[in-house]
PDB file of all heavy atoms in Angstrom:
ATOM      1  N   ASP A   1       0.801  -1.213  -0.001  1.00  0.00           N
ATOM      2  CA  ASP A   1       0.002  -0.004   0.003  1.00  0.00           C
ATOM      3  C   ASP A   1       0.839   1.268  -0.002  1.00  0.00           C
ATOM      4  O   ASP A   1       0.329   2.363   0.178  1.00  0.00           O
ATOM      5  CB  ASP A   1      -0.952   0.016   1.214  1.00  0.00           C
ATOM      6  CG  ASP A   1      -1.922  -1.154   1.197  1.00  0.00           C
ATOM      7  OD1 ASP A   1      -2.330  -1.567   0.071  1.00  0.00           O
ATOM      8  OD2 ASP A   1      -2.270  -1.660   2.280  1.00  0.00           O
ATOM      9  N   ASP A   2       2.143   1.118  -0.203  1.00  0.00           N
ATOM     10  CA  ASP A   2       3.049   2.242  -0.076  1.00  0.00           C
ATOM     11  C   ASP A   2       3.503   2.715  -1.448  1.00  0.00           C
ATOM     12  O   ASP A   2       3.984   1.949  -2.264  1.00  0.00           O
ATOM     13  CB  ASP A   2       4.275   1.864   0.769  1.00  0.00           C
ATOM     14  CG  ASP A   2       5.014   3.091   1.297  1.00  0.00           C
ATOM     15  OD1 ASP A   2       4.761   4.197   0.801  1.00  0.00           O
ATOM     16  OD2 ASP A   2       5.857   2.917   2.178  1.00  0.00           O
ATOM     17  N   THR A   3       3.362   3.966  -1.703  1.00  0.00           N
ATOM     18  CA  THR A   3       3.907   4.583  -2.903  1.00  0.00           C
ATOM     19  C   THR A   3       4.818   5.746  -2.504  1.00  0.00           C
ATOM     20  O   THR A   3       4.864   6.775  -3.163  1.00  0.00           O
ATOM     21  CB  THR A   3       2.803   5.090  -3.836  1.00  0.00           C
ATOM     22  OG1 THR A   3       1.965   5.997  -3.122  1.00  0.00           O
ATOM     23  CG2 THR A   3       1.968   3.929  -4.372  1.00  0.00           C
ATOM     24  N   MET A   4       5.576   5.548  -1.424  1.00  0.00           N
ATOM     25  CA  MET A   4       6.428   6.601  -0.873  1.00  0.00           C
ATOM     26  C   MET A   4       7.475   7.031  -1.882  1.00  0.00           C
ATOM     27  O   MET A   4       8.000   6.233  -2.652  1.00  0.00           O
ATOM     28  CB  MET A   4       7.085   6.143   0.426  1.00  0.00           C
ATOM     29  CG  MET A   4       8.024   4.975   0.306  1.00  0.00           C
ATOM     30  SD  MET A   4       8.727   4.452   1.884  1.00  0.00           S
ATOM     31  CE  MET A   4       9.772   5.851   2.267  1.00  0.00           C
ATOM     32  N   THR A   5       7.776   8.294  -1.874  1.00  0.00           N
ATOM     33  CA  THR A   5       8.799   8.847  -2.754  1.00  0.00           C
ATOM     34  C   THR A   5       9.815   9.674  -1.987  1.00  0.00           C
ATOM     35  O   THR A   5      10.660  10.321  -2.589  1.00  0.00           O
ATOM     36  CB  THR A   5       8.164   9.721  -3.855  1.00  0.00           C
ATOM     37  OG1 THR A   5       7.403  10.762  -3.244  1.00  0.00           O
ATOM     38  CG2 THR A   5       7.281   8.894  -4.769  1.00  0.00           C
ATOM     39  N   ASP A   6       9.761   9.655  -0.649  1.00  0.00           N
ATOM     40  CA  ASP A   6      10.699  10.448   0.132  1.00  0.00           C
ATOM     41  C   ASP A   6      12.118   9.919  -0.014  1.00  0.00           C
ATOM     42  O   ASP A   6      13.075  10.675  -0.099  1.00  0.00           O
ATOM     43  CB  ASP A   6      10.287  10.441   1.615  1.00  0.00           C
ATOM     44  CG  ASP A   6       9.024  11.236   1.878  1.00  0.00           C
ATOM     45  OD1 ASP A   6       8.631  12.020   1.006  1.00  0.00           O
ATOM     46  OD2 ASP A   6       8.429  11.063   2.967  1.00  0.00           O
ATOM     47  N   THR A   7      12.255   8.599  -0.016  1.00  0.00           N
ATOM     48  CA  THR A   7      13.567   7.999  -0.120  1.00  0.00           C
ATOM     49  C   THR A   7      14.064   7.992  -1.559  1.00  0.00           C
ATOM     50  O   THR A   7      15.232   8.301  -1.824  1.00  0.00           O
ATOM     51  CB  THR A   7      13.552   6.570   0.437  1.00  0.00           C
ATOM     52  OG1 THR A   7      13.045   6.584   1.789  1.00  0.00           O
ATOM     53  CG2 THR A   7      14.945   5.966   0.437  1.00  0.00           C
ATOM     54  N   TYR A   8      13.187   7.636  -2.489  1.00  0.00           N
ATOM     55  CA  TYR A   8      13.561   7.533  -3.881  1.00  0.00           C
ATOM     56  C   TYR A   8      12.546   8.291  -4.752  1.00  0.00           C
ATOM     57  O   TYR A   8      11.525   7.718  -5.144  1.00  0.00           O
ATOM     58  CB  TYR A   8      13.638   6.073  -4.322  1.00  0.00           C
ATOM     59  CG  TYR A   8      14.659   5.268  -3.560  1.00  0.00           C
ATOM     60  CD1 TYR A   8      14.254   4.324  -2.611  1.00  0.00           C
ATOM     61  CD2 TYR A   8      16.012   5.447  -3.766  1.00  0.00           C
ATOM     62  CE1 TYR A   8      15.189   3.582  -1.912  1.00  0.00           C
ATOM     63  CE2 TYR A   8      16.951   4.709  -3.074  1.00  0.00           C
ATOM     64  CZ  TYR A   8      16.534   3.772  -2.143  1.00  0.00           C
ATOM     65  OH  TYR A   8      17.464   3.036  -1.451  1.00  0.00           O
ATOM     66  N   PRO A   9      12.788   9.546  -5.066  1.00  0.00           N
ATOM     67  CA  PRO A   9      11.895  10.278  -5.964  1.00  0.00           C
ATOM     68  C   PRO A   9      11.789   9.567  -7.312  1.00  0.00           C
ATOM     69  O   PRO A   9      12.809   9.113  -7.858  1.00  0.00           O
ATOM     70  CB  PRO A   9      12.577  11.644  -6.115  1.00  0.00           C
ATOM     71  CG  PRO A   9      13.459  11.766  -4.907  1.00  0.00           C
ATOM     72  CD  PRO A   9      13.899  10.383  -4.585  1.00  0.00           C
ATOM     73  N   LEU A  10      10.599   9.469  -7.838  1.00  0.00           N
ATOM     74  CA  LEU A  10      10.378   8.668  -9.031  1.00  0.00           C
ATOM     75  C   LEU A  10      10.923   9.297 -10.311  1.00  0.00           C
ATOM     76  O   LEU A  10      11.032   8.620 -11.336  1.00  0.00           O
ATOM     77  CB  LEU A  10       8.879   8.369  -9.188  1.00  0.00           C
ATOM     78  CG  LEU A  10       8.242   7.583  -8.034  1.00  0.00           C
ATOM     79  CD1 LEU A  10       6.796   7.251  -8.337  1.00  0.00           C
ATOM     80  CD2 LEU A  10       9.027   6.306  -7.732  1.00  0.00           C
ATOM     81  N   ASP A  11      11.288  10.580 -10.269  1.00  0.00           N
ATOM     82  CA  ASP A  11      11.856  11.227 -11.454  1.00  0.00           C
ATOM     83  C   ASP A  11      13.381  11.323 -11.385  1.00  0.00           C
ATOM     84  O   ASP A  11      13.995  12.005 -12.203  1.00  0.00           O
ATOM     85  CB  ASP A  11      11.251  12.616 -11.653  1.00  0.00           C
ATOM     86  CG  ASP A  11      11.482  13.541 -10.459  1.00  0.00           C
ATOM     87  OD1 ASP A  11      11.809  13.045  -9.356  1.00  0.00           O
ATOM     88  OD2 ASP A  11      11.344  14.769 -10.636  1.00  0.00           O
ATOM     89  N   ILE A  12      13.978  10.615 -10.429  1.00  0.00           N
ATOM     90  CA  ILE A  12      15.438  10.580 -10.284  1.00  0.00           C
ATOM     91  C   ILE A  12      15.880   9.127 -10.294  1.00  0.00           C
ATOM     92  O   ILE A  12      15.278   8.275  -9.650  1.00  0.00           O
ATOM     93  CB  ILE A  12      15.885  11.236  -8.958  1.00  0.00           C
ATOM     94  CG1 ILE A  12      15.404  12.697  -8.867  1.00  0.00           C
ATOM     95  CG2 ILE A  12      17.390  11.135  -8.796  1.00  0.00           C
ATOM     96  CD1 ILE A  12      16.103  13.637  -9.794  1.00  0.00           C
ATOM     97  N   GLU A  13      16.971   8.814 -11.019  1.00  0.00           N
ATOM     98  CA  GLU A  13      17.505   7.466 -11.020  1.00  0.00           C
ATOM     99  C   GLU A  13      18.335   7.255  -9.749  1.00  0.00           C
ATOM    100  O   GLU A  13      19.284   8.012  -9.492  1.00  0.00           O
ATOM    101  CB  GLU A  13      18.383   7.214 -12.243  1.00  0.00           C
ATOM    102  CG  GLU A  13      18.875   5.752 -12.377  1.00  0.00           C
ATOM    103  CD  GLU A  13      17.744   4.769 -12.588  1.00  0.00           C
ATOM    104  OE1 GLU A  13      16.803   5.070 -13.362  1.00  0.00           O
ATOM    105  OE2 GLU A  13      17.796   3.677 -11.978  1.00  0.00           O
ATOM    106  N   PRO A  14      17.994   6.272  -8.891  1.00  0.00           N
ATOM    107  CA  PRO A  14      18.783   6.037  -7.675  1.00  0.00           C
ATOM    108  C   PRO A  14      20.221   5.659  -8.011  1.00  0.00           C
ATOM    109  O   PRO A  14      20.498   5.041  -9.060  1.00  0.00           O
ATOM    110  CB  PRO A  14      18.055   4.846  -7.016  1.00  0.00           C
ATOM    111  CG  PRO A  14      16.702   4.807  -7.639  1.00  0.00           C
ATOM    112  CD  PRO A  14      16.868   5.328  -9.025  1.00  0.00           C
ATOM    113  N   TRP A  15      21.153   5.997  -7.127  1.00  0.00           N
ATOM    114  CA  TRP A  15      22.543   5.621  -7.349  1.00  0.00           C
ATOM    115  C   TRP A  15      22.788   4.151  -7.034  1.00  0.00           C
ATOM    116  O   TRP A  15      23.753   3.562  -7.550  1.00  0.00           O
ATOM    117  CB  TRP A  15      23.495   6.520  -6.555  1.00  0.00           C
ATOM    118  CG  TRP A  15      23.298   6.493  -5.065  1.00  0.00           C
ATOM    119  CD1 TRP A  15      22.548   7.384  -4.336  1.00  0.00           C
ATOM    120  CD2 TRP A  15      23.844   5.567  -4.125  1.00  0.00           C
ATOM    121  NE1 TRP A  15      22.605   7.062  -2.988  1.00  0.00           N
ATOM    122  CE2 TRP A  15      23.399   5.955  -2.840  1.00  0.00           C
ATOM    123  CE3 TRP A  15      24.666   4.459  -4.238  1.00  0.00           C
ATOM    124  CZ2 TRP A  15      23.736   5.255  -1.682  1.00  0.00           C
ATOM    125  CZ3 TRP A  15      25.025   3.754  -3.086  1.00  0.00           C
ATOM    126  CH2 TRP A  15      24.559   4.166  -1.830  1.00  0.00           C
ATOM    127  N   GLU A  16      21.952   3.547  -6.199  1.00  0.00           N
ATOM    128  CA  GLU A  16      22.110   2.125  -5.890  1.00  0.00           C
ATOM    129  C   GLU A  16      21.923   1.303  -7.165  1.00  0.00           C
ATOM    130  O   GLU A  16      21.037   1.561  -7.977  1.00  0.00           O
ATOM    131  CB  GLU A  16      21.094   1.676  -4.837  1.00  0.00           C
ATOM    132  CG  GLU A  16      21.313   2.329  -3.470  1.00  0.00           C
ATOM    133  CD  GLU A  16      20.508   3.586  -3.245  1.00  0.00           C
ATOM    134  OE1 GLU A  16      20.182   4.257  -4.247  1.00  0.00           O
ATOM    135  OE2 GLU A  16      20.215   3.896  -2.083  1.00  0.00           O
ATOM    136  N   GLN A  17      22.760   0.273  -7.314  1.00  0.00           N
ATOM    137  CA  GLN A  17      22.836  -0.454  -8.570  1.00  0.00           C
ATOM    138  C   GLN A  17      21.757  -1.508  -8.773  1.00  0.00           C
ATOM    139  O   GLN A  17      21.590  -2.033  -9.880  1.00  0.00           O
ATOM    140  CB  GLN A  17      24.220  -1.120  -8.690  1.00  0.00           C
ATOM    141  CG  GLN A  17      25.373  -0.128  -8.742  1.00  0.00           C
ATOM    142  CD  GLN A  17      25.218   0.854  -9.879  1.00  0.00           C
ATOM    143  OE1 GLN A  17      25.319   0.457 -11.048  1.00  0.00           O
ATOM    144  NE2 GLN A  17      24.966   2.123  -9.573  1.00  0.00           N
ATOM    145  N   ASN A  18      20.978  -1.832  -7.740  1.00  0.00           N
ATOM    146  CA  ASN A  18      20.020  -2.925  -7.836  1.00  0.00           C
ATOM    147  C   ASN A  18      18.572  -2.474  -7.828  1.00  0.00           C
ATOM    148  O   ASN A  18      17.672  -3.319  -7.744  1.00  0.00           O
ATOM    149  CB  ASN A  18      20.245  -3.924  -6.703  1.00  0.00           C
ATOM    150  CG  ASN A  18      20.045  -3.328  -5.317  1.00  0.00           C
ATOM    151  OD1 ASN A  18      20.424  -2.162  -5.075  1.00  0.00           O
ATOM    152  ND2 ASN A  18      19.427  -4.066  -4.412  1.00  0.00           N
ATOM    153  N   ILE A  19      18.304  -1.184  -7.932  1.00  0.00           N
ATOM    154  CA  ILE A  19      16.939  -0.683  -8.106  1.00  0.00           C
ATOM    155  C   ILE A  19      16.956   0.389  -9.179  1.00  0.00           C
ATOM    156  O   ILE A  19      17.998   0.995  -9.457  1.00  0.00           O
ATOM    157  CB  ILE A  19      16.303  -0.131  -6.810  1.00  0.00           C
ATOM    158  CG1 ILE A  19      17.097   1.067  -6.286  1.00  0.00           C
ATOM    159  CG2 ILE A  19      16.204  -1.233  -5.744  1.00  0.00           C
ATOM    160  CD1 ILE A  19      16.399   1.781  -5.121  1.00  0.00           C
ATOM    161  N   SER A  20      15.790   0.632  -9.776  1.00  0.00           N
ATOM    162  CA  SER A  20      15.733   1.631 -10.847  1.00  0.00           C
ATOM    163  C   SER A  20      14.335   2.249 -10.911  1.00  0.00           C
ATOM    164  O   SER A  20      13.333   1.554 -10.718  1.00  0.00           O
ATOM    165  CB  SER A  20      16.077   1.005 -12.195  1.00  0.00           C
ATOM    166  OG  SER A  20      15.960   1.952 -13.254  1.00  0.00           O
ATOM    167  N   THR A  21      14.289   3.532 -11.197  1.00  0.00           N
ATOM    168  CA  THR A  21      13.040   4.203 -11.536  1.00  0.00           C
ATOM    169  C   THR A  21      12.839   4.208 -13.039  1.00  0.00           C
ATOM    170  O   THR A  21      11.849   4.749 -13.536  1.00  0.00           O
ATOM    171  CB  THR A  21      13.024   5.644 -11.014  1.00  0.00           C
ATOM    172  OG1 THR A  21      14.185   6.327 -11.524  1.00  0.00           O
ATOM    173  CG2 THR A  21      13.037   5.686  -9.495  1.00  0.00           C
ATOM    174  N   ARG A  22      13.794   3.669 -13.792  1.00  0.00           N
ATOM    175  CA  ARG A  22      13.816   3.622 -15.251  1.00  0.00           C
ATOM    176  C   ARG A  22      14.004   5.009 -15.877  1.00  0.00           C
ATOM    177  O   ARG A  22      13.797   5.162 -17.078  1.00  0.00           O
ATOM    178  CB  ARG A  22      12.582   2.919 -15.801  1.00  0.00           C
ATOM    179  CG  ARG A  22      12.495   1.441 -15.412  1.00  0.00           C
ATOM    180  CD  ARG A  22      11.177   0.813 -15.809  1.00  0.00           C
ATOM    181  NE  ARG A  22      10.901   0.977 -17.219  1.00  0.00           N
ATOM    182  CZ  ARG A  22       9.683   0.873 -17.754  1.00  0.00           C
ATOM    183  NH1 ARG A  22       8.640   0.629 -16.967  1.00  0.00           N
ATOM    184  NH2 ARG A  22       9.504   1.062 -19.047  1.00  0.00           N
ATOM    185  N   VAL A  23      14.421   5.984 -15.079  1.00  0.00           N
ATOM    186  CA  VAL A  23      14.765   7.292 -15.628  1.00  0.00           C
ATOM    187  C   VAL A  23      16.040   7.183 -16.454  1.00  0.00           C
ATOM    188  O   VAL A  23      16.165   7.792 -17.515  1.00  0.00           O
ATOM    189  CB  VAL A  23      14.902   8.335 -14.501  1.00  0.00           C
ATOM    190  CG1 VAL A  23      15.482   9.639 -15.040  1.00  0.00           C
ATOM    191  CG2 VAL A  23      13.565   8.578 -13.821  1.00  0.00           C
ATOM    192  N   ASN A  24      16.979   6.385 -15.975  1.00  0.00           N
ATOM    193  CA  ASN A  24      18.224   6.109 -16.705  1.00  0.00           C
ATOM    194  C   ASN A  24      18.537   4.632 -16.545  1.00  0.00           C
ATOM    195  O   ASN A  24      19.561   4.251 -15.986  1.00  0.00           O
ATOM    196  CB  ASN A  24      19.359   6.986 -16.179  1.00  0.00           C
ATOM    197  CG  ASN A  24      20.659   6.791 -16.966  1.00  0.00           C
ATOM    198  OD1 ASN A  24      20.664   6.202 -18.052  1.00  0.00           O
ATOM    199  ND2 ASN A  24      21.763   7.262 -16.420  1.00  0.00           N
ATOM    200  N   PHE A  25      17.662   3.811 -17.091  1.00  0.00           N
ATOM    201  CA  PHE A  25      17.809   2.371 -16.919  1.00  0.00           C
ATOM    202  C   PHE A  25      19.057   1.822 -17.606  1.00  0.00           C
ATOM    203  O   PHE A  25      19.605   0.801 -17.199  1.00  0.00           O
ATOM    204  CB  PHE A  25      16.549   1.657 -17.434  1.00  0.00           C
ATOM    205  CG  PHE A  25      16.528   0.185 -17.170  1.00  0.00           C
ATOM    206  CD1 PHE A  25      16.779  -0.310 -15.892  1.00  0.00           C
ATOM    207  CD2 PHE A  25      16.261  -0.711 -18.184  1.00  0.00           C
ATOM    208  CE1 PHE A  25      16.765  -1.681 -15.640  1.00  0.00           C
ATOM    209  CE2 PHE A  25      16.241  -2.081 -17.945  1.00  0.00           C
ATOM    210  CZ  PHE A  25      16.500  -2.567 -16.669  1.00  0.00           C
ATOM    211  N   ALA A  26      19.520   2.517 -18.642  1.00  0.00           N
ATOM    212  CA  ALA A  26      20.730   2.075 -19.333  1.00  0.00           C
ATOM    213  C   ALA A  26      21.935   2.023 -18.395  1.00  0.00           C
ATOM    214  O   ALA A  26      22.883   1.270 -18.655  1.00  0.00           O
ATOM    215  CB  ALA A  26      21.015   2.996 -20.514  1.00  0.00           C
ATOM    216  N   SER A  27      21.918   2.808 -17.313  1.00  0.00           N
ATOM    217  CA  SER A  27      23.027   2.814 -16.357  1.00  0.00           C
ATOM    218  C   SER A  27      22.934   1.659 -15.362  1.00  0.00           C
ATOM    219  O   SER A  27      23.843   1.511 -14.532  1.00  0.00           O
ATOM    220  CB  SER A  27      23.061   4.154 -15.600  1.00  0.00           C
ATOM    221  OG  SER A  27      21.930   4.273 -14.729  1.00  0.00           O
ATOM    222  N   LYS A  28      21.877   0.893 -15.422  1.00  0.00           N
ATOM    223  CA  LYS A  28      21.668  -0.189 -14.470  1.00  0.00           C
ATOM    224  C   LYS A  28      21.883  -1.551 -15.131  1.00  0.00           C
ATOM    225  O   LYS A  28      22.948  -1.810 -15.688  1.00  0.00           O
ATOM    226  CB  LYS A  28      20.286  -0.052 -13.849  1.00  0.00           C
ATOM    227  CG  LYS A  28      20.126   1.236 -13.006  1.00  0.00           C
ATOM    228  CD  LYS A  28      21.123   1.306 -11.885  1.00  0.00           C
ATOM    229  CE  LYS A  28      21.118   2.576 -11.083  1.00  0.00           C
ATOM    230  NZ  LYS A  28      19.850   2.787 -10.347  1.00  0.00           N
ATOM    231  N   TRP A  29      20.898  -2.424 -15.122  1.00  0.00           N
ATOM    232  CA  TRP A  29      21.114  -3.783 -15.606  1.00  0.00           C
ATOM    233  C   TRP A  29      20.475  -4.050 -16.959  1.00  0.00           C
ATOM    234  O   TRP A  29      20.245  -5.181 -17.326  1.00  0.00           O
ATOM    235  CB  TRP A  29      20.627  -4.791 -14.569  1.00  0.00           C
ATOM    236  CG  TRP A  29      19.144  -4.732 -14.256  1.00  0.00           C
ATOM    237  CD1 TRP A  29      18.157  -5.455 -14.845  1.00  0.00           C
ATOM    238  CD2 TRP A  29      18.502  -3.917 -13.255  1.00  0.00           C
ATOM    239  NE1 TRP A  29      16.928  -5.131 -14.304  1.00  0.00           N
ATOM    240  CE2 TRP A  29      17.118  -4.206 -13.306  1.00  0.00           C
ATOM    241  CE3 TRP A  29      18.962  -3.003 -12.330  1.00  0.00           C
ATOM    242  CZ2 TRP A  29      16.194  -3.590 -12.473  1.00  0.00           C
ATOM    243  CZ3 TRP A  29      18.044  -2.378 -11.496  1.00  0.00           C
ATOM    244  CH2 TRP A  29      16.676  -2.677 -11.559  1.00  0.00           C
ATOM    245  N   GLU A  30      20.220  -3.002 -17.713  1.00  0.00           N
ATOM    246  CA  GLU A  30      19.612  -3.155 -19.042  1.00  0.00           C
ATOM    247  C   GLU A  30      20.423  -4.113 -19.911  1.00  0.00           C
ATOM    248  O   GLU A  30      19.870  -4.910 -20.668  1.00  0.00           O
ATOM    249  CB  GLU A  30      19.469  -1.799 -19.728  1.00  0.00           C
ATOM    250  CG  GLU A  30      18.737  -1.834 -21.060  1.00  0.00           C
ATOM    251  CD  GLU A  30      18.589  -0.461 -21.682  1.00  0.00           C
ATOM    252  OE1 GLU A  30      19.633   0.177 -21.930  1.00  0.00           O
ATOM    253  OE2 GLU A  30      17.453  -0.005 -21.868  1.00  0.00           O
ATOM    254  N   ASN A  31      21.747  -4.042 -19.814  1.00  0.00           N
ATOM    255  CA  ASN A  31      22.599  -4.896 -20.637  1.00  0.00           C
ATOM    256  C   ASN A  31      22.615  -6.349 -20.189  1.00  0.00           C
ATOM    257  O   ASN A  31      23.252  -7.194 -20.836  1.00  0.00           O
ATOM    258  CB  ASN A  31      24.028  -4.348 -20.708  1.00  0.00           C
ATOM    259  CG  ASN A  31      24.705  -4.302 -19.351  1.00  0.00           C
ATOM    260  OD1 ASN A  31      24.100  -4.565 -18.299  1.00  0.00           O
ATOM    261  ND2 ASN A  31      25.978  -3.938 -19.345  1.00  0.00           N
ATOM    262  N   MET A  32      21.939  -6.684 -19.107  1.00  0.00           N
ATOM    263  CA  MET A  32      21.843  -8.071 -18.649  1.00  0.00           C
ATOM    264  C   MET A  32      20.513  -8.727 -19.032  1.00  0.00           C
ATOM    265  O   MET A  32      20.310  -9.910 -18.768  1.00  0.00           O
ATOM    266  CB  MET A  32      22.016  -8.131 -17.124  1.00  0.00           C
ATOM    267  CG  MET A  32      23.389  -7.717 -16.641  1.00  0.00           C
ATOM    268  SD  MET A  32      23.566  -7.781 -14.822  1.00  0.00           S
ATOM    269  CE  MET A  32      23.471  -9.548 -14.509  1.00  0.00           C
ATOM    270  N   LEU A  33      19.634  -7.966 -19.658  1.00  0.00           N
ATOM    271  CA  LEU A  33      18.311  -8.472 -20.024  1.00  0.00           C
ATOM    272  C   LEU A  33      18.351  -9.190 -21.363  1.00  0.00           C
ATOM    273  O   LEU A  33      18.909  -8.662 -22.339  1.00  0.00           O
ATOM    274  CB  LEU A  33      17.298  -7.336 -20.111  1.00  0.00           C
ATOM    275  CG  LEU A  33      16.968  -6.545 -18.832  1.00  0.00           C
ATOM    276  CD1 LEU A  33      15.986  -5.425 -19.153  1.00  0.00           C
ATOM    277  CD2 LEU A  33      16.404  -7.456 -17.763  1.00  0.00           C
ATOM    278  N   PRO A  34      17.747 -10.390 -21.471  1.00  0.00           N
ATOM    279  CA  PRO A  34      17.514 -10.963 -22.798  1.00  0.00           C
ATOM    280  C   PRO A  34      16.664 -10.018 -23.634  1.00  0.00           C
ATOM    281  O   PRO A  34      15.803  -9.302 -23.102  1.00  0.00           O
ATOM    282  CB  PRO A  34      16.760 -12.269 -22.478  1.00  0.00           C
ATOM    283  CG  PRO A  34      17.119 -12.585 -21.052  1.00  0.00           C
ATOM    284  CD  PRO A  34      17.291 -11.272 -20.380  1.00  0.00           C
ATOM    285  N   ALA A  35      16.872 -10.024 -24.941  1.00  0.00           N
ATOM    286  CA  ALA A  35      16.220  -9.061 -25.825  1.00  0.00           C
ATOM    287  C   ALA A  35      14.695  -9.100 -25.733  1.00  0.00           C
ATOM    288  O   ALA A  35      14.027  -8.093 -25.950  1.00  0.00           O
ATOM    289  CB  ALA A  35      16.661  -9.312 -27.267  1.00  0.00           C
ATOM    290  N   SER A  36      14.135 -10.239 -25.428  1.00  0.00           N
ATOM    291  CA  SER A  36      12.679 -10.408 -25.422  1.00  0.00           C
ATOM    292  C   SER A  36      12.025 -10.099 -24.080  1.00  0.00           C
ATOM    293  O   SER A  36      10.807 -10.281 -23.938  1.00  0.00           O
ATOM    294  CB  SER A  36      12.319 -11.830 -25.853  1.00  0.00           C
ATOM    295  OG  SER A  36      12.901 -12.771 -24.914  1.00  0.00           O
ATOM    296  N   THR A  37      12.802  -9.631 -23.098  1.00  0.00           N
ATOM    297  CA  THR A  37      12.264  -9.427 -21.758  1.00  0.00           C
ATOM    298  C   THR A  37      11.181  -8.356 -21.739  1.00  0.00           C
ATOM    299  O   THR A  37      11.436  -7.207 -22.128  1.00  0.00           O
ATOM    300  CB  THR A  37      13.382  -9.032 -20.781  1.00  0.00           C
ATOM    301  OG1 THR A  37      14.422 -10.000 -20.830  1.00  0.00           O
ATOM    302  CG2 THR A  37      12.836  -8.924 -19.366  1.00  0.00           C
ATOM    303  N   PRO A  38       9.980  -8.684 -21.272  1.00  0.00           N
ATOM    304  CA  PRO A  38       8.942  -7.654 -21.150  1.00  0.00           C
ATOM    305  C   PRO A  38       9.237  -6.701 -20.001  1.00  0.00           C
ATOM    306  O   PRO A  38       9.714  -7.116 -18.944  1.00  0.00           O
ATOM    307  CB  PRO A  38       7.671  -8.460 -20.878  1.00  0.00           C
ATOM    308  CG  PRO A  38       8.139  -9.763 -20.304  1.00  0.00           C
ATOM    309  CD  PRO A  38       9.488 -10.015 -20.901  1.00  0.00           C
ATOM    310  N   ILE A  39       8.996  -5.414 -20.212  1.00  0.00           N
ATOM    311  CA  ILE A  39       9.235  -4.387 -19.202  1.00  0.00           C
ATOM    312  C   ILE A  39       7.940  -3.592 -18.990  1.00  0.00           C
ATOM    313  O   ILE A  39       7.443  -2.981 -19.948  1.00  0.00           O
ATOM    314  CB  ILE A  39      10.368  -3.438 -19.620  1.00  0.00           C
ATOM    315  CG1 ILE A  39      11.667  -4.231 -19.831  1.00  0.00           C
ATOM    316  CG2 ILE A  39      10.580  -2.362 -18.564  1.00  0.00           C
ATOM    317  CD1 ILE A  39      12.806  -3.386 -20.364  1.00  0.00           C
ATOM    318  N   PRO A  40       7.372  -3.589 -17.767  1.00  0.00           N
ATOM    319  CA  PRO A  40       7.765  -4.367 -16.586  1.00  0.00           C
ATOM    320  C   PRO A  40       7.600  -5.868 -16.832  1.00  0.00           C
ATOM    321  O   PRO A  40       6.797  -6.280 -17.673  1.00  0.00           O
ATOM    322  CB  PRO A  40       6.814  -3.865 -15.498  1.00  0.00           C
ATOM    323  CG  PRO A  40       6.246  -2.604 -15.999  1.00  0.00           C
ATOM    324  CD  PRO A  40       6.232  -2.688 -17.487  1.00  0.00           C
ATOM    325  N   THR A  41       8.330  -6.662 -16.089  1.00  0.00           N
ATOM    326  CA  THR A  41       8.286  -8.098 -16.212  1.00  0.00           C
ATOM    327  C   THR A  41       7.181  -8.665 -15.328  1.00  0.00           C
ATOM    328  O   THR A  41       7.184  -8.419 -14.121  1.00  0.00           O
ATOM    329  CB  THR A  41       9.632  -8.727 -15.833  1.00  0.00           C
ATOM    330  OG1 THR A  41      10.696  -8.054 -16.524  1.00  0.00           O
ATOM    331  CG2 THR A  41       9.658 -10.204 -16.180  1.00  0.00           C
ATOM    332  N   PRO A  42       6.232  -9.404 -15.874  1.00  0.00           N
ATOM    333  CA  PRO A  42       5.160  -9.980 -15.051  1.00  0.00           C
ATOM    334  C   PRO A  42       5.716 -10.985 -14.053  1.00  0.00           C
ATOM    335  O   PRO A  42       6.567 -11.809 -14.419  1.00  0.00           O
ATOM    336  CB  PRO A  42       4.245 -10.672 -16.067  1.00  0.00           C
ATOM    337  CG  PRO A  42       4.613 -10.079 -17.396  1.00  0.00           C
ATOM    338  CD  PRO A  42       6.054  -9.719 -17.313  1.00  0.00           C
TER     339      PRO A  42
END
């Protein structure tokens, strides 16, 4: 039930390497995804 943005504003890419707001997903694990991966992944 939480959509908090105090810790991680949704319009800023977090510096932590294991989460993403997808603002700059290329800087995260995009290069580890198989080409067919649906985003978001069900």
